[in-house]
Amino acid sequence: MDILTINQIKSLYPDQWVLVGNPELKDFDTLEAIINKLVSGIVLYASKDKREIAYKAKDLRKGVESITCVYTGEFPSNRKWLL
């Protein structure tokens, strides 16, 4: 499996949820979206359906130390966020 930069991931998997193994992150101390902190990682799976990623994550994470999930598209401006 190849390590891809975040720009490569966005280019290869536009508007998809991407499960990234062994993510390299920057700026740990800032409160920012994980997509803005992700530098590179190994793409384990990509899907337009976030639930599909969640169901498969347990099996796909074997052999990697850590995982994260990012969305490579833009969220609608009218999206409601729950905290």
N, C-alpha and C. Protein backbone atom coordinates (compact mmCIF):
# COMPACT_ATOMS: atom_id res chain seq x y z
N MET A 1 0.85 -1.19 0.00
CA MET A 1 0.00 0.00 0.00
C MET A 1 0.88 1.24 0.00
N ASP A 2 0.52 2.18 -0.84
CA ASP A 2 1.29 3.40 -0.98
C ASP A 2 0.82 4.48 0.00
N ILE A 3 1.77 5.28 0.45
CA ILE A 3 1.45 6.44 1.26
C ILE A 3 1.15 7.59 0.31
N LEU A 4 -0.01 8.20 0.47
CA LEU A 4 -0.44 9.30 -0.38
C LEU A 4 -0.54 10.59 0.43
N THR A 5 -0.28 11.72 -0.22
CA THR A 5 -0.48 13.01 0.43
C THR A 5 -1.97 13.32 0.43
N ILE A 6 -2.37 14.29 1.23
CA ILE A 6 -3.78 14.66 1.28
C ILE A 6 -4.25 15.18 -0.07
N ASN A 7 -3.40 15.88 -0.79
CA ASN A 7 -3.80 16.37 -2.12
C ASN A 7 -4.02 15.22 -3.09
N GLN A 8 -3.21 14.18 -3.01
CA GLN A 8 -3.41 13.00 -3.86
C GLN A 8 -4.70 12.28 -3.49
N ILE A 9 -4.96 12.18 -2.20
CA ILE A 9 -6.19 11.52 -1.72
C ILE A 9 -7.41 12.28 -2.22
N LYS A 10 -7.40 13.61 -2.09
CA LYS A 10 -8.53 14.42 -2.57
C LYS A 10 -8.72 14.27 -4.07
N SER A 11 -7.63 14.19 -4.81
CA SER A 11 -7.70 14.06 -6.27
C SER A 11 -8.23 12.70 -6.70
N LEU A 12 -7.77 11.64 -6.03
CA LEU A 12 -8.19 10.29 -6.40
C LEU A 12 -9.59 9.93 -5.90
N TYR A 13 -10.02 10.53 -4.79
CA TYR A 13 -11.30 10.18 -4.17
C TYR A 13 -12.12 11.43 -3.90
N PRO A 14 -12.53 12.15 -4.95
CA PRO A 14 -13.29 13.39 -4.73
C PRO A 14 -14.67 13.12 -4.14
N ASP A 15 -15.06 13.98 -3.20
CA ASP A 15 -16.40 13.92 -2.59
C ASP A 15 -16.71 12.55 -2.01
N GLN A 16 -15.73 11.95 -1.34
CA GLN A 16 -15.93 10.63 -0.73
C GLN A 16 -15.40 10.64 0.71
N TRP A 17 -15.90 9.70 1.47
CA TRP A 17 -15.36 9.42 2.80
C TRP A 17 -14.20 8.46 2.60
N VAL A 18 -13.07 8.78 3.21
CA VAL A 18 -11.86 7.98 3.00
C VAL A 18 -11.32 7.55 4.36
N LEU A 19 -11.11 6.25 4.50
CA LEU A 19 -10.50 5.69 5.70
C LEU A 19 -8.99 5.67 5.46
N VAL A 20 -8.26 6.38 6.30
CA VAL A 20 -6.81 6.54 6.12
C VAL A 20 -6.07 5.85 7.25
N GLY A 21 -5.16 4.95 6.89
CA GLY A 21 -4.36 4.24 7.87
C GLY A 21 -3.03 4.95 8.11
N ASN A 22 -2.53 4.84 9.33
CA ASN A 22 -1.27 5.47 9.74
C ASN A 22 -1.18 6.92 9.28
N PRO A 23 -2.19 7.73 9.67
CA PRO A 23 -2.19 9.11 9.20
C PRO A 23 -1.05 9.92 9.82
N GLU A 24 -0.44 10.77 8.99
CA GLU A 24 0.54 11.73 9.50
C GLU A 24 -0.21 13.04 9.64
N LEU A 25 -0.22 13.57 10.86
CA LEU A 25 -0.97 14.79 11.15
C LEU A 25 -0.03 15.91 11.54
N LYS A 26 -0.48 17.14 11.32
CA LYS A 26 0.27 18.32 11.75
C LYS A 26 -0.61 19.14 12.70
N ASP A 27 -0.01 20.05 13.43
CA ASP A 27 -0.73 20.98 14.30
C ASP A 27 -1.67 20.27 15.28
N PHE A 28 -1.11 19.39 16.09
CA PHE A 28 -1.91 18.63 17.05
C PHE A 28 -2.66 19.52 18.04
N ASP A 29 -2.11 20.67 18.36
CA ASP A 29 -2.67 21.51 19.41
C ASP A 29 -3.76 22.46 18.94
N THR A 30 -4.06 22.49 17.66
CA THR A 30 -5.10 23.40 17.17
C THR A 30 -6.43 22.67 17.06
N LEU A 31 -7.48 23.43 17.32
CA LEU A 31 -8.84 22.89 17.16
C LEU A 31 -9.27 23.15 15.73
N GLU A 32 -9.12 22.15 14.92
CA GLU A 32 -9.38 22.29 13.49
C GLU A 32 -9.87 20.93 12.97
N ALA A 33 -10.54 20.93 11.85
CA ALA A 33 -11.01 19.69 11.25
C ALA A 33 -9.82 18.80 10.90
N ILE A 34 -9.99 17.50 11.06
CA ILE A 34 -8.93 16.53 10.80
C ILE A 34 -8.43 16.61 9.35
N ILE A 35 -9.32 16.95 8.41
CA ILE A 35 -8.91 17.06 7.01
C ILE A 35 -7.85 18.15 6.84
N ASN A 36 -7.89 19.18 7.69
CA ASN A 36 -6.91 20.27 7.62
C ASN A 36 -5.60 19.90 8.31
N LYS A 37 -5.62 18.87 9.13
CA LYS A 37 -4.42 18.42 9.83
C LYS A 37 -3.72 17.26 9.13
N LEU A 38 -4.42 16.58 8.25
CA LEU A 38 -3.88 15.40 7.60
C LEU A 38 -2.83 15.79 6.56
N VAL A 39 -1.65 15.20 6.68
CA VAL A 39 -0.56 15.44 5.74
C VAL A 39 -0.50 14.29 4.73
N SER A 40 -0.54 13.05 5.24
CA SER A 40 -0.46 11.88 4.36
C SER A 40 -0.94 10.64 5.11
N GLY A 41 -1.09 9.55 4.36
CA GLY A 41 -1.50 8.29 4.96
C GLY A 41 -1.77 7.25 3.89
N ILE A 42 -2.19 6.09 4.33
CA ILE A 42 -2.49 4.97 3.43
C ILE A 42 -4.00 4.86 3.30
N VAL A 43 -4.50 4.92 2.08
CA VAL A 43 -5.94 4.79 1.86
C VAL A 43 -6.32 3.33 2.03
N LEU A 44 -7.17 3.07 3.01
CA LEU A 44 -7.64 1.71 3.27
C LEU A 44 -8.95 1.43 2.57
N TYR A 45 -9.78 2.47 2.42
CA TYR A 45 -11.09 2.29 1.80
C TYR A 45 -11.68 3.66 1.51
N ALA A 46 -12.49 3.75 0.48
CA ALA A 46 -13.18 4.99 0.15
C ALA A 46 -14.60 4.67 -0.30
N SER A 47 -15.53 5.54 0.09
CA SER A 47 -16.92 5.32 -0.25
C SER A 47 -17.68 6.65 -0.17
N LYS A 48 -18.76 6.75 -0.92
CA LYS A 48 -19.65 7.90 -0.80
C LYS A 48 -20.53 7.78 0.43
N ASP A 49 -20.61 6.58 1.00
CA ASP A 49 -21.46 6.29 2.15
C ASP A 49 -20.62 6.17 3.42
N LYS A 50 -20.80 7.10 4.34
CA LYS A 50 -20.02 7.10 5.58
C LYS A 50 -20.30 5.85 6.42
N ARG A 51 -21.52 5.38 6.39
CA ARG A 51 -21.87 4.18 7.16
C ARG A 51 -21.10 2.96 6.68
N GLU A 52 -20.89 2.88 5.38
CA GLU A 52 -20.13 1.76 4.83
C GLU A 52 -18.71 1.75 5.39
N ILE A 53 -18.10 2.92 5.50
CA ILE A 53 -16.76 3.05 6.08
C ILE A 53 -16.79 2.56 7.53
N ALA A 54 -17.80 2.98 8.27
CA ALA A 54 -17.90 2.60 9.68
C ALA A 54 -18.02 1.08 9.84
N TYR A 55 -18.81 0.45 8.99
CA TYR A 55 -19.00 -1.00 9.07
C TYR A 55 -17.73 -1.77 8.72
N LYS A 56 -16.95 -1.26 7.81
CA LYS A 56 -15.77 -1.98 7.33
C LYS A 56 -14.49 -1.62 8.08
N ALA A 57 -14.50 -0.55 8.85
CA ALA A 57 -13.28 -0.03 9.49
C ALA A 57 -12.58 -1.06 10.37
N LYS A 58 -13.33 -1.82 11.14
CA LYS A 58 -12.73 -2.78 12.05
C LYS A 58 -11.89 -3.81 11.31
N ASP A 59 -12.41 -4.34 10.23
CA ASP A 59 -11.68 -5.35 9.46
C ASP A 59 -10.52 -4.74 8.67
N LEU A 60 -10.69 -3.52 8.21
CA LEU A 60 -9.68 -2.89 7.36
C LEU A 60 -8.49 -2.34 8.14
N ARG A 61 -8.65 -2.14 9.42
CA ARG A 61 -7.57 -1.52 10.21
C ARG A 61 -6.49 -2.52 10.63
N LYS A 62 -6.67 -3.77 10.32
CA LYS A 62 -5.65 -4.77 10.68
C LYS A 62 -4.34 -4.45 9.96
N GLY A 63 -3.25 -4.43 10.71
CA GLY A 63 -1.95 -4.16 10.14
C GLY A 63 -1.53 -2.70 10.15
N VAL A 64 -2.40 -1.81 10.64
CA VAL A 64 -2.03 -0.40 10.76
C VAL A 64 -2.14 0.02 12.22
N GLU A 65 -1.34 0.99 12.61
CA GLU A 65 -1.32 1.43 14.01
C GLU A 65 -2.52 2.30 14.36
N SER A 66 -2.91 3.18 13.45
CA SER A 66 -4.02 4.08 13.74
C SER A 66 -4.76 4.39 12.44
N ILE A 67 -6.00 4.86 12.60
CA ILE A 67 -6.81 5.21 11.44
C ILE A 67 -7.53 6.53 11.70
N THR A 68 -7.95 7.16 10.63
CA THR A 68 -8.84 8.31 10.70
C THR A 68 -9.73 8.28 9.47
N CYS A 69 -10.83 8.98 9.55
CA CYS A 69 -11.76 9.04 8.43
C CYS A 69 -11.94 10.51 8.07
N VAL A 70 -11.81 10.82 6.77
CA VAL A 70 -11.97 12.20 6.31
C VAL A 70 -12.93 12.25 5.14
N TYR A 71 -13.57 13.39 4.98
CA TYR A 71 -14.43 13.62 3.82
C TYR A 71 -13.69 14.58 2.90
N THR A 72 -13.55 14.22 1.62
CA THR A 72 -12.73 15.00 0.70
C THR A 72 -13.51 16.08 -0.04
N GLY A 73 -14.79 16.18 0.20
CA GLY A 73 -15.60 17.19 -0.49
C GLY A 73 -15.90 18.36 0.43
N GLU A 74 -16.79 19.20 -0.04
CA GLU A 74 -17.25 20.35 0.75
C GLU A 74 -18.59 20.02 1.37
N PHE A 75 -18.76 20.40 2.63
CA PHE A 75 -20.04 20.21 3.29
C PHE A 75 -20.97 21.36 2.88
N PRO A 76 -22.26 21.07 2.72
CA PRO A 76 -23.20 22.14 2.37
C PRO A 76 -23.22 23.22 3.46
N SER A 77 -23.39 24.46 3.06
CA SER A 77 -23.38 25.56 4.03
C SER A 77 -24.57 25.51 4.97
N ASN A 78 -25.66 24.84 4.57
CA ASN A 78 -26.85 24.76 5.42
C ASN A 78 -26.84 23.53 6.34
N ARG A 79 -25.72 22.82 6.39
CA ARG A 79 -25.62 21.62 7.23
C ARG A 79 -25.65 22.02 8.70
N LYS A 80 -26.40 21.30 9.48
CA LYS A 80 -26.51 21.57 10.92
C LYS A 80 -25.50 20.68 11.64
N TRP A 81 -24.79 21.27 12.59
CA TRP A 81 -23.77 20.55 13.37
C TRP A 81 -24.27 20.39 14.79
N LEU A 82 -24.10 19.22 15.33
CA LEU A 82 -24.46 18.97 16.73
C LEU A 82 -23.19 18.84 17.54
N LEU A 83 -23.13 19.54 18.65
CA LEU A 83 -21.95 19.46 19.53
C LEU A 83 -22.30 18.74 20.80
